[in-house]
């Protein structure tokens, strides 16, 4: 039987409209993540919050000890919920995330947060490589528009591309409503 944990990745103030690095759709994604969080708490699932701090003195966002690097109030951790600090996109890299999961006997994870093309992608792939059953709540994730080879790629296309790449190979990619109903 799968024992599941909800992992909320980088739902931090700097990604919201008033932050210094706003991510398109972050407010809506966080609202969906809050629904998942409420459901996980009611079901007494393990909940882990992951927050990112960028250690470079040239960091534009997620500066250590800044209000922008704090977890957004919509998904604030409660006592007993682990908060994992990371410095790279992969939430497992040089953190104690795997220790928390394995220590709780977790075999499956549900991911939500930002950015789809960075930390969600890196964390989902690493979790799969570690042998966890990975689910990504696609509507509780948000992406940022990017540019490649002189071409602007809208956030919705970035998000869709990442979810499509993860789906089936690395993760089960589903809507929050489906997760809550199931």
Protein backbone atom coordinates (compact mmCIF):
# COMPACT_ATOMS: atom_id res chain seq x y z
CA UNK A 1 0.00 0.00 0.00
CA UNK A 2 1.28 3.45 -0.90
CA UNK A 3 1.87 5.85 1.95
CA UNK A 4 1.66 9.34 0.47
CA UNK A 5 3.11 12.73 1.34
CA UNK A 6 2.13 16.12 -0.04
CA UNK A 7 5.17 18.20 -0.96
CA UNK A 8 4.60 21.90 -1.60
CA UNK A 9 7.56 23.33 -3.49
CA UNK A 10 8.53 27.02 -3.50
CA UNK A 11 5.14 28.57 -2.86
CA UNK A 12 6.97 31.66 -1.69
CA UNK A 13 6.15 35.35 -1.64
CA UNK A 14 8.54 36.43 -4.40
CA UNK A 15 6.55 34.37 -6.95
CA UNK A 16 3.27 36.23 -6.30
CA UNK A 17 2.09 39.40 -8.12
CA UNK A 18 3.58 41.72 -5.47
CA UNK A 19 6.85 39.77 -5.33
CA UNK A 20 10.09 40.56 -7.14
CA UNK A 21 9.90 37.53 -9.51
CA UNK A 22 6.18 37.02 -10.25
CA UNK A 23 5.14 33.76 -11.86
CA UNK A 24 2.09 33.77 -14.09
CA UNK A 25 -0.81 31.90 -12.52
CA UNK A 26 0.85 31.62 -9.11
CA UNK A 27 -2.18 32.92 -7.21
CA UNK A 28 -4.47 30.34 -8.82
CA UNK A 29 -1.93 27.53 -8.39
CA UNK A 30 -1.49 28.42 -4.72
CA UNK A 31 -5.26 28.37 -4.20
CA UNK A 32 -5.36 24.83 -5.62
CA UNK A 33 -2.34 23.87 -3.49
CA UNK A 34 -4.18 25.21 -0.43
CA UNK A 35 -7.11 22.90 -1.24
CA UNK A 36 -4.71 19.96 -1.48
CA UNK A 37 -3.07 21.01 1.77
CA UNK A 38 -6.42 21.16 3.56
CA UNK A 39 -7.31 17.72 2.20
CA UNK A 40 -3.93 16.27 3.22
CA UNK A 41 -4.29 17.65 6.74
CA UNK A 42 -7.79 16.21 7.11
CA UNK A 43 -6.54 12.81 5.90
CA UNK A 44 -3.48 13.12 8.18
CA UNK A 45 -1.03 12.70 5.31
CA UNK A 46 2.56 13.74 5.81
CA UNK A 47 3.01 17.33 4.60
CA UNK A 48 6.39 18.76 3.68
CA UNK A 49 7.02 22.35 2.65
CA UNK A 50 10.08 23.08 0.53
CA UNK A 51 11.45 26.60 0.32
CA UNK A 52 14.26 27.91 -1.81
CA UNK A 53 16.92 30.44 -0.88
CA UNK A 54 19.44 31.58 -3.48
CA UNK A 55 22.81 32.08 -1.83
CA UNK A 56 24.41 34.19 -4.56
CA UNK A 57 24.95 37.85 -3.62
CA UNK A 58 23.52 38.67 -7.07
CA UNK A 59 20.22 36.83 -6.40
CA UNK A 60 17.22 38.69 -7.80
CA UNK A 61 14.72 36.75 -5.70
CA UNK A 62 14.52 34.29 -2.78
CA UNK A 63 17.27 36.16 -0.97
CA UNK A 64 18.10 34.57 2.41
CA UNK A 65 16.14 36.03 5.34
CA UNK A 66 13.97 38.17 3.02
CA UNK A 67 10.19 38.32 3.21
CA UNK A 68 10.14 37.22 -0.43
CA UNK A 69 11.78 33.91 0.50
CA UNK A 70 9.11 33.16 3.10
CA UNK A 71 6.38 30.60 2.42
CA UNK A 72 3.19 32.30 1.25
CA UNK A 73 0.47 32.68 3.88
CA UNK A 74 -2.01 30.65 1.78
CA UNK A 75 -0.03 27.47 2.54
CA UNK A 76 1.68 28.31 5.84
CA UNK A 77 3.20 25.34 7.62
CA UNK A 78 1.56 24.13 10.80
CA UNK A 79 3.44 22.70 13.78
CA UNK A 80 4.67 19.21 12.96
CA UNK A 81 4.97 19.85 9.21
CA UNK A 82 8.55 19.71 8.00
CA UNK A 83 10.08 22.66 6.18
CA UNK A 84 13.00 21.73 3.93
CA UNK A 85 15.42 24.45 2.85
CA UNK A 86 17.04 24.02 -0.55
CA UNK A 87 19.45 26.00 -2.70
CA UNK A 88 19.02 24.21 -6.05
CA UNK A 89 15.97 23.33 -8.21
CA UNK A 90 16.03 19.64 -7.21
CA UNK A 91 14.42 19.48 -3.76
CA UNK A 92 16.41 16.32 -2.95
CA UNK A 93 19.86 17.77 -3.74
CA UNK A 94 21.84 18.51 -0.56
CA UNK A 95 18.67 18.53 1.60
CA UNK A 96 17.07 16.21 4.12
CA UNK A 97 13.90 15.66 2.05
CA UNK A 98 14.62 11.98 1.37
CA UNK A 99 15.37 11.47 5.07
CA UNK A 100 11.94 12.92 5.99
CA UNK A 101 10.17 10.76 3.42
CA UNK A 102 11.96 7.53 4.23
CA UNK A 103 11.70 8.17 7.97
CA UNK A 104 7.93 8.34 7.60
CA UNK A 105 7.72 5.27 5.37
CA UNK A 106 6.54 7.35 2.41
CA UNK A 107 6.39 5.55 -0.93
CA UNK A 108 4.31 8.04 -2.94
CA UNK A 109 4.43 11.80 -3.25
CA UNK A 110 2.11 14.49 -4.58
CA UNK A 111 3.88 17.61 -5.82
CA UNK A 112 2.50 21.13 -6.16
CA UNK A 113 4.19 24.51 -6.49
CA UNK A 114 6.54 26.38 -8.74
CA UNK A 115 8.07 26.74 -11.15
CA UNK A 116 6.84 23.94 -13.37
CA UNK A 117 9.90 24.13 -15.63
CA UNK A 118 12.43 24.26 -12.82
CA UNK A 119 11.83 22.94 -9.35
CA UNK A 120 8.71 20.87 -10.05
CA UNK A 121 10.37 19.21 -13.04
CA UNK A 122 13.67 18.60 -11.22
CA UNK A 123 12.00 17.33 -8.07
CA UNK A 124 9.55 15.04 -9.89
CA UNK A 125 12.35 13.44 -11.92
CA UNK A 126 14.58 13.00 -8.86
CA UNK A 127 11.71 11.52 -6.84
CA UNK A 128 11.03 9.03 -9.62
CA UNK A 129 14.73 8.15 -9.77
CA UNK A 130 14.62 7.53 -5.99
CA UNK A 131 11.77 5.08 -6.54
CA UNK A 132 8.82 7.09 -5.25
CA UNK A 133 5.41 6.89 -6.92
CA UNK A 134 5.11 10.51 -8.14
CA UNK A 135 1.95 12.48 -8.80
CA UNK A 136 1.99 16.09 -9.96
CA UNK A 137 -1.10 18.22 -9.37
CA UNK A 138 -0.83 20.15 -12.63
CA UNK A 139 -3.32 22.88 -11.73
CA UNK A 140 -1.49 23.52 -8.45
CA UNK A 141 1.71 24.35 -10.35
CA UNK A 142 2.72 27.50 -12.19
CA UNK A 143 5.31 28.38 -14.81
CA UNK A 144 7.08 31.49 -16.00
CA UNK A 145 7.34 32.59 -19.62
CA UNK A 146 10.78 32.00 -21.11
CA UNK A 147 12.76 32.87 -24.19
CA UNK A 148 14.77 30.43 -26.26
CA UNK A 149 16.68 31.12 -29.47
CA UNK A 150 14.93 34.45 -29.83
CA UNK A 151 11.49 32.90 -29.42
CA UNK A 152 9.15 33.91 -26.60
CA UNK A 153 7.44 30.90 -25.03
CA UNK A 154 4.30 31.80 -23.04
CA UNK A 155 3.94 30.45 -19.51
CA UNK A 156 0.95 28.27 -20.44
CA UNK A 157 3.01 26.58 -23.17
CA UNK A 158 5.98 26.10 -20.86
CA UNK A 159 3.71 24.53 -18.25
CA UNK A 160 1.98 22.26 -20.78
CA UNK A 161 5.29 21.09 -22.22
CA UNK A 162 6.69 20.19 -18.79
CA UNK A 163 3.52 18.42 -17.67
CA UNK A 164 3.43 16.48 -20.96
CA UNK A 165 7.09 15.46 -20.54
CA UNK A 166 6.54 14.29 -16.95
CA UNK A 167 3.26 12.51 -17.63
CA UNK A 168 3.52 8.76 -17.81
CA UNK A 169 7.29 8.45 -17.61
CA UNK A 170 8.12 10.29 -14.40
CA UNK A 171 4.74 11.04 -12.87
CA UNK A 172 1.02 10.68 -12.91
CA UNK A 173 -0.13 14.21 -13.83
CA UNK A 174 -3.65 15.00 -12.65
CA UNK A 175 -5.94 17.83 -11.54
CA UNK A 176 -6.43 18.66 -7.87
CA UNK A 177 -10.12 17.80 -7.99
CA UNK A 178 -9.23 14.29 -9.14
CA UNK A 179 -6.74 13.88 -6.30
CA UNK A 180 -9.17 15.13 -3.69
CA UNK A 181 -12.00 12.95 -5.03
CA UNK A 182 -9.78 9.87 -5.13
